[in-house]
């Protein structure tokens, strides 16, 4: 049960801190955090964890924060900024997939095999 409380507090803290920093440094900060969270969620999605009474992918914890960030974008700035964040998050995931594919295709060093 403590994990659920920690998750709720972390999600609210990340969202609140992002809103405060974005007010000072601009909307690009929230867009960058959104892209970061979508990429991290895809990387850790294969890890299965016990979260309270549920067994879920670890990415649920990170990905759920993206909903809060897009809500901040649409409420504090505009729907156009939220759509921009989703598009940049998508492009970030495309870059991740291509980078991982290239890394997997490379032949490993002889001492690593």
PDB file of N, CA and C in Angstrom:
ATOM      1  N   UNK A   1       0.817  -1.201   0.000  1.00  0.00           N
ATOM      2  CA  UNK A   1       0.000   0.000   0.000  1.00  0.00           C
ATOM      3  C   UNK A   1       0.858   1.261   0.000  1.00  0.00           C
ATOM      4  N   UNK A   2       2.025   1.169   0.625  1.00  0.00           N
ATOM      5  CA  UNK A   2       2.909   2.337   0.674  1.00  0.00           C
ATOM      6  C   UNK A   2       3.369   2.730  -0.734  1.00  0.00           C
ATOM      7  N   UNK A   3       3.498   1.724  -1.643  1.00  0.00           N
ATOM      8  CA  UNK A   3       3.912   2.029  -3.013  1.00  0.00           C
ATOM      9  C   UNK A   3       2.891   2.915  -3.713  1.00  0.00           C
ATOM     10  N   UNK A   4       1.627   2.656  -3.454  1.00  0.00           N
ATOM     11  CA  UNK A   4       0.562   3.444  -4.075  1.00  0.00           C
ATOM     12  C   UNK A   4       0.622   4.888  -3.594  1.00  0.00           C
ATOM     13  N   UNK A   5       0.829   5.075  -2.310  1.00  0.00           N
ATOM     14  CA  UNK A   5       0.917   6.429  -1.752  1.00  0.00           C
ATOM     15  C   UNK A   5       2.137   7.158  -2.299  1.00  0.00           C
ATOM     16  N   UNK A   6       3.271   6.451  -2.363  1.00  0.00           N
ATOM     17  CA  UNK A   6       4.490   7.057  -2.914  1.00  0.00           C
ATOM     18  C   UNK A   6       4.273   7.428  -4.373  1.00  0.00           C
ATOM     19  N   UNK A   7       3.615   6.551  -5.144  1.00  0.00           N
ATOM     20  CA  UNK A   7       3.360   6.835  -6.545  1.00  0.00           C
ATOM     21  C   UNK A   7       2.494   8.078  -6.704  1.00  0.00           C
ATOM     22  N   UNK A   8       1.450   8.179  -5.924  1.00  0.00           N
ATOM     23  CA  UNK A   8       0.569   9.352  -6.002  1.00  0.00           C
ATOM     24  C   UNK A   8       1.337  10.623  -5.657  1.00  0.00           C
ATOM     25  N   UNK A   9       2.129  10.570  -4.598  1.00  0.00           N
ATOM     26  CA  UNK A   9       2.909  11.749  -4.195  1.00  0.00           C
ATOM     27  C   UNK A   9       3.945  12.129  -5.246  1.00  0.00           C
ATOM     28  N   UNK A  10       4.632  11.135  -5.817  1.00  0.00           N
ATOM     29  CA  UNK A  10       5.633  11.429  -6.852  1.00  0.00           C
ATOM     30  C   UNK A  10       4.985  12.012  -8.102  1.00  0.00           C
ATOM     31  N   UNK A  11       3.859  11.463  -8.498  1.00  0.00           N
ATOM     32  CA  UNK A  11       3.169  11.986  -9.674  1.00  0.00           C
ATOM     33  C   UNK A  11       2.754  13.439  -9.463  1.00  0.00           C
ATOM     34  N   UNK A  12       2.185  13.722  -8.315  1.00  0.00           N
ATOM     35  CA  UNK A  12       1.788  15.106  -8.021  1.00  0.00           C
ATOM     36  C   UNK A  12       2.996  16.024  -7.904  1.00  0.00           C
ATOM     37  N   UNK A  13       4.079  15.532  -7.296  1.00  0.00           N
ATOM     38  CA  UNK A  13       5.286  16.350  -7.155  1.00  0.00           C
ATOM     39  C   UNK A  13       5.897  16.654  -8.516  1.00  0.00           C
ATOM     40  N   UNK A  14       6.005  15.643  -9.379  1.00  0.00           N
ATOM     41  CA  UNK A  14       6.577  15.854 -10.706  1.00  0.00           C
ATOM     42  C   UNK A  14       5.720  16.834 -11.499  1.00  0.00           C
ATOM     43  N   UNK A  15       4.416  16.655 -11.441  1.00  0.00           N
ATOM     44  CA  UNK A  15       3.523  17.573 -12.151  1.00  0.00           C
ATOM     45  C   UNK A  15       3.617  18.989 -11.634  1.00  0.00           C
ATOM     46  N   UNK A  16       3.620  19.153 -10.324  1.00  0.00           N
ATOM     47  CA  UNK A  16       3.685  20.496  -9.732  1.00  0.00           C
ATOM     48  C   UNK A  16       5.018  21.171 -10.007  1.00  0.00           C
ATOM     49  N   UNK A  17       6.096  20.431  -9.839  1.00  0.00           N
ATOM     50  CA  UNK A  17       7.429  20.991 -10.094  1.00  0.00           C
ATOM     51  C   UNK A  17       7.564  21.360 -11.566  1.00  0.00           C
ATOM     52  N   UNK A  18       7.048  20.510 -12.457  1.00  0.00           N
ATOM     53  CA  UNK A  18       7.107  20.813 -13.889  1.00  0.00           C
ATOM     54  C   UNK A  18       6.338  22.081 -14.216  1.00  0.00           C
ATOM     55  N   UNK A  19       5.183  22.270 -13.605  1.00  0.00           N
ATOM     56  CA  UNK A  19       4.392  23.480 -13.862  1.00  0.00           C
ATOM     57  C   UNK A  19       5.117  24.726 -13.372  1.00  0.00           C
ATOM     58  N   UNK A  20       5.747  24.636 -12.203  1.00  0.00           N
ATOM     59  CA  UNK A  20       6.474  25.786 -11.653  1.00  0.00           C
ATOM     60  C   UNK A  20       7.688  26.114 -12.518  1.00  0.00           C
ATOM     61  N   UNK A  21       8.442  25.090 -12.901  1.00  0.00           N
ATOM     62  CA  UNK A  21       9.628  25.328 -13.732  1.00  0.00           C
ATOM     63  C   UNK A  21       9.216  25.839 -15.109  1.00  0.00           C
ATOM     64  N   UNK A  22       8.126  25.311 -15.657  1.00  0.00           N
ATOM     65  CA  UNK A  22       7.664  25.772 -16.970  1.00  0.00           C
ATOM     66  C   UNK A  22       7.231  27.225 -16.926  1.00  0.00           C
ATOM     67  N   UNK A  23       6.686  27.645 -15.812  1.00  0.00           N
ATOM     68  CA  UNK A  23       6.285  29.052 -15.686  1.00  0.00           C
ATOM     69  C   UNK A  23       7.514  29.957 -15.761  1.00  0.00           C
ATOM     70  N   UNK A  24       8.629  29.450 -15.237  1.00  0.00           N
ATOM     71  CA  UNK A  24       9.855  30.246 -15.241  1.00  0.00           C
ATOM     72  C   UNK A  24      10.626  30.129 -16.555  1.00  0.00           C
ATOM     73  N   UNK A  25      10.730  28.892 -17.086  1.00  0.00           N
ATOM     74  CA  UNK A  25      11.573  28.654 -18.258  1.00  0.00           C
ATOM     75  C   UNK A  25      10.806  28.453 -19.561  1.00  0.00           C
ATOM     76  N   UNK A  26       9.507  28.324 -19.508  1.00  0.00           N
ATOM     77  CA  UNK A  26       8.728  28.193 -20.731  1.00  0.00           C
ATOM     78  C   UNK A  26       8.126  26.809 -20.916  1.00  0.00           C
ATOM     79  N   UNK A  27       7.249  26.742 -21.881  1.00  0.00           N
ATOM     80  CA  UNK A  27       6.489  25.530 -22.153  1.00  0.00           C
ATOM     81  C   UNK A  27       7.380  24.388 -22.638  1.00  0.00           C
ATOM     82  N   UNK A  28       8.539  24.704 -23.168  1.00  0.00           N
ATOM     83  CA  UNK A  28       9.425  23.677 -23.699  1.00  0.00           C
ATOM     84  C   UNK A  28       9.851  22.681 -22.629  1.00  0.00           C
ATOM     85  N   UNK A  29       9.911  23.123 -21.401  1.00  0.00           N
ATOM     86  CA  UNK A  29      10.299  22.231 -20.312  1.00  0.00           C
ATOM     87  C   UNK A  29       9.279  21.101 -20.153  1.00  0.00           C
ATOM     88  N   UNK A  30       8.001  21.419 -20.140  1.00  0.00           N
ATOM     89  CA  UNK A  30       6.982  20.373 -19.991  1.00  0.00           C
ATOM     90  C   UNK A  30       6.976  19.461 -21.216  1.00  0.00           C
ATOM     91  N   UNK A  31       7.169  20.031 -22.396  1.00  0.00           N
ATOM     92  CA  UNK A  31       7.218  19.215 -23.606  1.00  0.00           C
ATOM     93  C   UNK A  31       8.404  18.258 -23.546  1.00  0.00           C
ATOM     94  N   UNK A  32       9.539  18.733 -23.087  1.00  0.00           N
ATOM     95  CA  UNK A  32      10.709  17.869 -22.936  1.00  0.00           C
ATOM     96  C   UNK A  32      10.492  16.770 -21.914  1.00  0.00           C
ATOM     97  N   UNK A  33       9.857  17.111 -20.798  1.00  0.00           N
ATOM     98  CA  UNK A  33       9.560  16.100 -19.781  1.00  0.00           C
ATOM     99  C   UNK A  33       8.588  15.057 -20.326  1.00  0.00           C
ATOM    100  N   UNK A  34       7.615  15.492 -21.110  1.00  0.00           N
ATOM    101  CA  UNK A  34       6.666  14.555 -21.708  1.00  0.00           C
ATOM    102  C   UNK A  34       7.399  13.572 -22.617  1.00  0.00           C
ATOM    103  N   UNK A  35       8.270  14.092 -23.482  1.00  0.00           N
ATOM    104  CA  UNK A  35       9.025  13.223 -24.383  1.00  0.00           C
ATOM    105  C   UNK A  35       9.909  12.260 -23.595  1.00  0.00           C
ATOM    106  N   UNK A  36      10.545  12.764 -22.554  1.00  0.00           N
ATOM    107  CA  UNK A  36      11.395  11.923 -21.705  1.00  0.00           C
ATOM    108  C   UNK A  36      10.590  10.800 -21.066  1.00  0.00           C
ATOM    109  N   UNK A  37       9.433  11.126 -20.524  1.00  0.00           N
ATOM    110  CA  UNK A  37       8.619  10.110 -19.852  1.00  0.00           C
ATOM    111  C   UNK A  37       8.087   9.064 -20.823  1.00  0.00           C
ATOM    112  N   UNK A  38       7.749   9.457 -22.047  1.00  0.00           N
ATOM    113  CA  UNK A  38       7.262   8.461 -23.002  1.00  0.00           C
ATOM    114  C   UNK A  38       8.373   7.504 -23.405  1.00  0.00           C
ATOM    115  N   UNK A  39       9.587   8.016 -23.578  1.00  0.00           N
ATOM    116  CA  UNK A  39      10.716   7.152 -23.924  1.00  0.00           C
ATOM    117  C   UNK A  39      11.056   6.219 -22.760  1.00  0.00           C
ATOM    118  N   UNK A  40      11.123   6.759 -21.557  1.00  0.00           N
ATOM    119  CA  UNK A  40      11.422   5.932 -20.380  1.00  0.00           C
ATOM    120  C   UNK A  40      10.345   4.866 -20.193  1.00  0.00           C
ATOM    121  N   UNK A  41       9.091   5.223 -20.411  1.00  0.00           N
ATOM    122  CA  UNK A  41       8.005   4.248 -20.269  1.00  0.00           C
ATOM    123  C   UNK A  41       8.173   3.091 -21.244  1.00  0.00           C
ATOM    124  N   UNK A  42       8.597   3.380 -22.469  1.00  0.00           N
ATOM    125  CA  UNK A  42       8.811   2.303 -23.431  1.00  0.00           C
ATOM    126  C   UNK A  42      10.006   1.436 -23.069  1.00  0.00           C
ATOM    127  N   UNK A  43      11.013   2.025 -22.456  1.00  0.00           N
ATOM    128  CA  UNK A  43      12.191   1.245 -22.078  1.00  0.00           C
ATOM    129  C   UNK A  43      11.878   0.301 -20.926  1.00  0.00           C
ATOM    130  N   UNK A  44      11.132   0.756 -19.938  1.00  0.00           N
ATOM    131  CA  UNK A  44      10.893  -0.067 -18.750  1.00  0.00           C
ATOM    132  C   UNK A  44       9.581  -0.846 -18.811  1.00  0.00           C
ATOM    133  N   UNK A  45       8.929  -0.849 -19.967  1.00  0.00           N
ATOM    134  CA  UNK A  45       7.621  -1.509 -20.076  1.00  0.00           C
ATOM    135  C   UNK A  45       7.694  -3.019 -19.888  1.00  0.00           C
ATOM    136  N   UNK A  46       8.843  -3.625 -20.126  1.00  0.00           N
ATOM    137  CA  UNK A  46       8.931  -5.085 -20.011  1.00  0.00           C
ATOM    138  C   UNK A  46       9.079  -5.569 -18.571  1.00  0.00           C
ATOM    139  N   UNK A  47       9.343  -4.678 -17.651  1.00  0.00           N
ATOM    140  CA  UNK A  47       9.472  -5.047 -16.235  1.00  0.00           C
ATOM    141  C   UNK A  47       8.081  -5.110 -15.614  1.00  0.00           C
ATOM    142  N   UNK A  48       7.725  -6.269 -15.058  1.00  0.00           N
ATOM    143  CA  UNK A  48       6.428  -6.447 -14.416  1.00  0.00           C
ATOM    144  C   UNK A  48       6.621  -6.305 -12.911  1.00  0.00           C
ATOM    145  N   UNK A  49       5.802  -5.463 -12.286  1.00  0.00           N
ATOM    146  CA  UNK A  49       5.930  -5.194 -10.851  1.00  0.00           C
ATOM    147  C   UNK A  49       4.581  -5.392 -10.165  1.00  0.00           C
ATOM    148  N   UNK A  50       4.647  -5.585  -8.861  1.00  0.00           N
ATOM    149  CA  UNK A  50       3.435  -5.653  -8.056  1.00  0.00           C
ATOM    150  C   UNK A  50       3.201  -4.259  -7.504  1.00  0.00           C
ATOM    151  N   UNK A  51       2.052  -3.710  -7.811  1.00  0.00           N
ATOM    152  CA  UNK A  51       1.705  -2.344  -7.429  1.00  0.00           C
ATOM    153  C   UNK A  51       0.421  -2.396  -6.632  1.00  0.00           C
ATOM    154  N   UNK A  52       0.566  -2.420  -5.326  1.00  0.00           N
ATOM    155  CA  UNK A  52      -0.603  -2.601  -4.477  1.00  0.00           C
ATOM    156  C   UNK A  52      -1.185  -3.979  -4.739  1.00  0.00           C
ATOM    157  N   UNK A  53      -2.458  -4.070  -5.030  1.00  0.00           N
ATOM    158  CA  UNK A  53      -3.063  -5.374  -5.312  1.00  0.00           C
ATOM    159  C   UNK A  53      -2.932  -5.798  -6.779  1.00  0.00           C
ATOM    160  N   UNK A  54      -2.272  -4.987  -7.608  1.00  0.00           N
ATOM    161  CA  UNK A  54      -2.206  -5.245  -9.038  1.00  0.00           C
ATOM    162  C   UNK A  54      -0.807  -5.670  -9.466  1.00  0.00           C
ATOM    163  N   UNK A  55      -0.742  -6.460 -10.531  1.00  0.00           N
ATOM    164  CA  UNK A  55       0.508  -6.792 -11.198  1.00  0.00           C
ATOM    165  C   UNK A  55       0.480  -6.070 -12.539  1.00  0.00           C
ATOM    166  N   UNK A  56       1.390  -5.121 -12.714  1.00  0.00           N
ATOM    167  CA  UNK A  56       1.348  -4.237 -13.880  1.00  0.00           C
ATOM    168  C   UNK A  56       2.758  -4.022 -14.424  1.00  0.00           C
ATOM    169  N   UNK A  57       2.876  -3.558 -15.677  1.00  0.00           N
ATOM    170  CA  UNK A  57       4.188  -3.144 -16.172  1.00  0.00           C
ATOM    171  C   UNK A  57       4.685  -1.922 -15.394  1.00  0.00           C
ATOM    172  N   UNK A  58       5.981  -1.846 -15.172  1.00  0.00           N
ATOM    173  CA  UNK A  58       6.544  -0.712 -14.433  1.00  0.00           C
ATOM    174  C   UNK A  58       6.293   0.608 -15.157  1.00  0.00           C
ATOM    175  N   UNK A  59       6.078   0.552 -16.450  1.00  0.00           N
ATOM    176  CA  UNK A  59       5.852   1.768 -17.231  1.00  0.00           C
ATOM    177  C   UNK A  59       4.565   2.481 -16.846  1.00  0.00           C
ATOM    178  N   UNK A  60       3.640   1.787 -16.221  1.00  0.00           N
ATOM    179  CA  UNK A  60       2.382   2.417 -15.813  1.00  0.00           C
ATOM    180  C   UNK A  60       2.663   3.593 -14.891  1.00  0.00           C
ATOM    181  N   UNK A  61       3.646   3.448 -14.041  1.00  0.00           N
ATOM    182  CA  UNK A  61       3.973   4.515 -13.098  1.00  0.00           C
ATOM    183  C   UNK A  61       4.478   5.760 -13.810  1.00  0.00           C
ATOM    184  N   UNK A  62       5.328   5.552 -14.802  1.00  0.00           N
ATOM    185  CA  UNK A  62       5.910   6.691 -15.524  1.00  0.00           C
ATOM    186  C   UNK A  62       4.916   7.253 -16.534  1.00  0.00           C
ATOM    187  N   UNK A  63       4.266   6.367 -17.267  1.00  0.00           N
ATOM    188  CA  UNK A  63       3.375   6.814 -18.336  1.00  0.00           C
ATOM    189  C   UNK A  63       2.174   7.586 -17.806  1.00  0.00           C
ATOM    190  N   UNK A  64       1.717   7.245 -16.619  1.00  0.00           N
ATOM    191  CA  UNK A  64       0.562   7.959 -16.072  1.00  0.00           C
ATOM    192  C   UNK A  64       0.870   9.433 -15.817  1.00  0.00           C
ATOM    193  N   UNK A  65       2.127   9.755 -15.604  1.00  0.00           N
ATOM    194  CA  UNK A  65       2.514  11.148 -15.403  1.00  0.00           C
ATOM    195  C   UNK A  65       2.342  11.955 -16.687  1.00  0.00           C
ATOM    196  N   UNK A  66       2.453  11.296 -17.842  1.00  0.00           N
ATOM    197  CA  UNK A  66       2.307  12.023 -19.103  1.00  0.00           C
ATOM    198  C   UNK A  66       0.904  12.598 -19.263  1.00  0.00           C
ATOM    199  N   UNK A  67      -0.093  11.931 -18.699  1.00  0.00           N
ATOM    200  CA  UNK A  67      -1.456  12.462 -18.784  1.00  0.00           C
ATOM    201  C   UNK A  67      -1.570  13.774 -18.015  1.00  0.00           C
ATOM    202  N   UNK A  68      -0.928  13.817 -16.864  1.00  0.00           N
ATOM    203  CA  UNK A  68      -0.939  15.041 -16.063  1.00  0.00           C
ATOM    204  C   UNK A  68      -0.220  16.171 -16.801  1.00  0.00           C
ATOM    205  N   UNK A  69       0.904  15.844 -17.442  1.00  0.00           N
ATOM    206  CA  UNK A  69       1.658  16.870 -18.164  1.00  0.00           C
ATOM    207  C   UNK A  69       0.876  17.411 -19.362  1.00  0.00           C
ATOM    208  N   UNK A  70       0.216  16.536 -20.119  1.00  0.00           N
ATOM    209  CA  UNK A  70      -0.570  17.038 -21.253  1.00  0.00           C
ATOM    210  C   UNK A  70      -1.771  17.848 -20.773  1.00  0.00           C
ATOM    211  N   UNK A  71      -2.313  17.487 -19.623  1.00  0.00           N
ATOM    212  CA  UNK A  71      -3.405  18.287 -19.062  1.00  0.00           C
ATOM    213  C   UNK A  71      -2.904  19.672 -18.671  1.00  0.00           C
ATOM    214  N   UNK A  72      -1.711  19.735 -18.046  1.00  0.00           N
ATOM    215  CA  UNK A  72      -1.116  21.034 -17.724  1.00  0.00           C
ATOM    216  C   UNK A  72      -0.921  21.860 -18.987  1.00  0.00           C
ATOM    217  N   UNK A  73      -0.406  21.218 -20.038  1.00  0.00           N
ATOM    218  CA  UNK A  73      -0.161  21.941 -21.279  1.00  0.00           C
ATOM    219  C   UNK A  73      -1.447  22.516 -21.857  1.00  0.00           C
ATOM    220  N   UNK A  74      -2.479  21.717 -21.898  1.00  0.00           N
ATOM    221  CA  UNK A  74      -3.718  22.211 -22.500  1.00  0.00           C
ATOM    222  C   UNK A  74      -4.419  23.240 -21.617  1.00  0.00           C
ATOM    223  N   UNK A  75      -4.291  23.118 -20.305  1.00  0.00           N
ATOM    224  CA  UNK A  75      -4.956  24.064 -19.403  1.00  0.00           C
ATOM    225  C   UNK A  75      -4.168  25.361 -19.232  1.00  0.00           C
ATOM    226  N   UNK A  76      -2.853  25.260 -19.073  1.00  0.00           N
ATOM    227  CA  UNK A  76      -2.037  26.446 -18.802  1.00  0.00           C
ATOM    228  C   UNK A  76      -1.603  27.179 -20.069  1.00  0.00           C
ATOM    229  N   UNK A  77      -1.429  26.442 -21.160  1.00  0.00           N
ATOM    230  CA  UNK A  77      -0.958  27.069 -22.397  1.00  0.00           C
ATOM    231  C   UNK A  77      -2.046  26.991 -23.461  1.00  0.00           C
ATOM    232  N   UNK A  78      -2.087  25.899 -24.203  1.00  0.00           N
ATOM    233  CA  UNK A  78      -3.137  25.733 -25.207  1.00  0.00           C
ATOM    234  C   UNK A  78      -3.178  24.277 -25.651  1.00  0.00           C
ATOM    235  N   UNK A  79      -4.259  23.942 -26.314  1.00  0.00           N
ATOM    236  CA  UNK A  79      -4.381  22.585 -26.847  1.00  0.00           C
ATOM    237  C   UNK A  79      -3.318  22.346 -27.912  1.00  0.00           C
ATOM    238  N   UNK A  80      -2.936  23.404 -28.615  1.00  0.00           N
ATOM    239  CA  UNK A  80      -1.905  23.301 -29.644  1.00  0.00           C
ATOM    240  C   UNK A  80      -0.576  22.842 -29.036  1.00  0.00           C
ATOM    241  N   UNK A  81      -0.232  23.354 -27.865  1.00  0.00           N
ATOM    242  CA  UNK A  81       1.004  22.942 -27.189  1.00  0.00           C
ATOM    243  C   UNK A  81       0.927  21.482 -26.745  1.00  0.00           C
ATOM    244  N   UNK A  82      -0.243  21.042 -26.303  1.00  0.00           N
ATOM    245  CA  UNK A  82      -0.413  19.640 -25.899  1.00  0.00           C
ATOM    246  C   UNK A  82      -0.254  18.713 -27.098  1.00  0.00           C
ATOM    247  N   UNK A  83      -0.813  19.108 -28.230  1.00  0.00           N
ATOM    248  CA  UNK A  83      -0.669  18.306 -29.448  1.00  0.00           C
ATOM    249  C   UNK A  83       0.786  18.281 -29.888  1.00  0.00           C
ATOM    250  N   UNK A  84       1.475  19.406 -29.759  1.00  0.00           N
ATOM    251  CA  UNK A  84       2.897  19.468 -30.093  1.00  0.00           C
ATOM    252  C   UNK A  84       3.692  18.511 -29.204  1.00  0.00           C
ATOM    253  N   UNK A  85       3.363  18.451 -27.922  1.00  0.00           N
ATOM    254  CA  UNK A  85       4.062  17.558 -26.997  1.00  0.00           C
ATOM    255  C   UNK A  85       3.859  16.099 -27.390  1.00  0.00           C
ATOM    256  N   UNK A  86       2.635  15.749 -27.753  1.00  0.00           N
ATOM    257  CA  UNK A  86       2.361  14.368 -28.156  1.00  0.00           C
ATOM    258  C   UNK A  86       3.137  14.025 -29.420  1.00  0.00           C
ATOM    259  N   UNK A  87       3.196  14.945 -30.377  1.00  0.00           N
ATOM    260  CA  UNK A  87       3.945  14.707 -31.610  1.00  0.00           C
ATOM    261  C   UNK A  87       5.435  14.556 -31.318  1.00  0.00           C
ATOM    262  N   UNK A  88       5.990  15.405 -30.471  1.00  0.00           N
ATOM    263  CA  UNK A  88       7.410  15.312 -30.120  1.00  0.00           C
ATOM    264  C   UNK A  88       7.681  14.023 -29.352  1.00  0.00           C
ATOM    265  N   UNK A  89       6.764  13.623 -28.478  1.00  0.00           N
ATOM    266  CA  UNK A  89       6.908  12.345 -27.784  1.00  0.00           C
ATOM    267  C   UNK A  89       6.917  11.179 -28.755  1.00  0.00           C
ATOM    268  N   UNK A  90       6.056  11.240 -29.771  1.00  0.00           N
ATOM    269  CA  UNK A  90       6.033  10.196 -30.794  1.00  0.00           C
ATOM    270  C   UNK A  90       7.353  10.149 -31.553  1.00  0.00           C
ATOM    271  N   UNK A  91       7.856  11.309 -31.960  1.00  0.00           N
ATOM    272  CA  UNK A  91       9.136  11.346 -32.670  1.00  0.00           C
ATOM    273  C   UNK A  91      10.279  10.844 -31.792  1.00  0.00           C
ATOM    274  N   UNK A  92      10.232  11.144 -30.513  1.00  0.00           N
ATOM    275  CA  UNK A  92      11.251  10.647 -29.589  1.00  0.00           C
ATOM    276  C   UNK A  92      11.236   9.126 -29.532  1.00  0.00           C
ATOM    277  N   UNK A  93      10.050   8.543 -29.556  1.00  0.00           N
ATOM    278  CA  UNK A  93       9.949   7.088 -29.548  1.00  0.00           C
ATOM    279  C   UNK A  93      10.436   6.479 -30.853  1.00  0.00           C
ATOM    280  N   UNK A  94      10.217   7.158 -31.968  1.00  0.00           N
ATOM    281  CA  UNK A  94      10.741   6.683 -33.248  1.00  0.00           C
ATOM    282  C   UNK A  94      12.267   6.676 -33.214  1.00  0.00           C
ATOM    283  N   UNK A  95      12.862   7.737 -32.682  1.00  0.00           N
ATOM    284  CA  UNK A  95      14.324   7.797 -32.553  1.00  0.00           C
ATOM    285  C   UNK A  95      14.820   6.672 -31.650  1.00  0.00           C
ATOM    286  N   UNK A  96      14.114   6.406 -30.563  1.00  0.00           N
ATOM    287  CA  UNK A  96      14.482   5.308 -29.666  1.00  0.00           C
ATOM    288  C   UNK A  96      14.456   3.974 -30.397  1.00  0.00           C
ATOM    289  N   UNK A  97      13.398   3.699 -31.138  1.00  0.00           N
ATOM    290  CA  UNK A  97      13.269   2.424 -31.845  1.00  0.00           C
ATOM    291  C   UNK A  97      14.379   2.261 -32.873  1.00  0.00           C
ATOM    292  N   UNK A  98      14.659   3.299 -33.634  1.00  0.00           N
ATOM    293  CA  UNK A  98      15.723   3.221 -34.640  1.00  0.00           C
ATOM    294  C   UNK A  98      17.076   3.019 -33.971  1.00  0.00           C
ATOM    295  N   UNK A  99      17.342   3.737 -32.895  1.00  0.00           N
ATOM    296  CA  UNK A  99      18.620   3.603 -32.187  1.00  0.00           C
ATOM    297  C   UNK A  99      18.801   2.202 -31.616  1.00  0.00           C
ATOM    298  N   UNK A 100      17.758   1.657 -31.022  1.00  0.00           N
ATOM    299  CA  UNK A 100      17.844   0.303 -30.464  1.00  0.00           C
ATOM    300  C   UNK A 100      18.023  -0.715 -31.583  1.00  0.00           C
ATOM    301  N   UNK A 101      17.317  -0.538 -32.687  1.00  0.00           N
ATOM    302  CA  UNK A 101      17.452  -1.464 -33.802  1.00  0.00           C
ATOM    303  C   UNK A 101      18.883  -1.460 -34.347  1.00  0.00           C
ATOM    304  N   UNK A 102      19.461  -0.275 -34.534  1.00  0.00           N
ATOM    305  CA  UNK A 102      20.840  -0.180 -35.026  1.00  0.00           C
ATOM    306  C   UNK A 102      21.803  -0.841 -34.044  1.00  0.00           C
ATOM    307  N   UNK A 103      21.627  -0.593 -32.754  1.00  0.00           N
ATOM    308  CA  UNK A 103      22.511  -1.179 -31.745  1.00  0.00           C
ATOM    309  C   UNK A 103      22.407  -2.701 -31.731  1.00  0.00           C
ATOM    310  N   UNK A 104      21.216  -3.237 -31.924  1.00  0.00           N
ATOM    311  CA  UNK A 104      21.040  -4.693 -31.939  1.00  0.00           C
ATOM    312  C   UNK A 104      21.671  -5.295 -33.193  1.00  0.00           C
ATOM    313  N   UNK A 105      21.637  -4.582 -34.306  1.00  0.00           N
ATOM    314  CA  UNK A 105      22.186  -5.098 -35.555  1.00  0.00           C
ATOM    315  C   UNK A 105      23.710  -5.112 -35.583  1.00  0.00           C
ATOM    316  N   UNK A 106      24.347  -4.244 -34.822  1.00  0.00           N
ATOM    317  CA  UNK A 106      25.801  -4.228 -34.795  1.00  0.00           C
ATOM    318  C   UNK A 106      26.333  -5.533 -34.239  1.00  0.00           C
ATOM    319  N   UNK A 107      27.455  -5.941 -34.784  1.00  0.00           N
ATOM    320  CA  UNK A 107      28.097  -7.147 -34.260  1.00  0.00           C
ATOM    321  C   UNK A 107      28.806  -6.782 -32.958  1.00  0.00           C
ATOM    322  N   UNK A 108      28.668  -7.653 -31.978  1.00  0.00           N
ATOM    323  CA  UNK A 108      29.278  -7.392 -30.671  1.00  0.00           C
ATOM    324  C   UNK A 108      30.797  -7.504 -30.758  1.00  0.00           C
ATOM    325  N   UNK A 109      31.470  -6.853 -29.831  1.00  0.00           N
ATOM    326  CA  UNK A 109      32.929  -6.947 -29.748  1.00  0.00           C
ATOM    327  C   UNK A 109      33.320  -8.396 -29.453  1.00  0.00           C
ATOM    328  N   UNK A 110      34.478  -8.833 -29.963  1.00  0.00           N
ATOM    329  CA  UNK A 110      34.873 -10.240 -29.774  1.00  0.00           C
ATOM    330  C   UNK A 110      34.987 -10.649 -28.300  1.00  0.00           C
ATOM    331  N   UNK A 111      35.439  -9.755 -27.449  1.00  0.00           N
ATOM    332  CA  UNK A 111      35.596 -10.104 -26.040  1.00  0.00           C
ATOM    333  C   UNK A 111      34.265 -10.117 -25.296  1.00  0.00           C
ATOM    334  N   UNK A 112      33.199  -9.633 -25.914  1.00  0.00           N
ATOM    335  CA  UNK A 112      31.901  -9.549 -25.249  1.00  0.00           C
ATOM    336  C   UNK A 112      31.072 -10.816 -25.452  1.00  0.00           C
ATOM    337  N   UNK A 113      31.436 -11.621 -26.446  1.00  0.00           N
ATOM    338  CA  UNK A 113      30.621 -12.798 -26.778  1.00  0.00           C
ATOM    339  C   UNK A 113      30.829 -13.921 -25.833  1.00  0.00           C
TER     340      UNK A 113
END
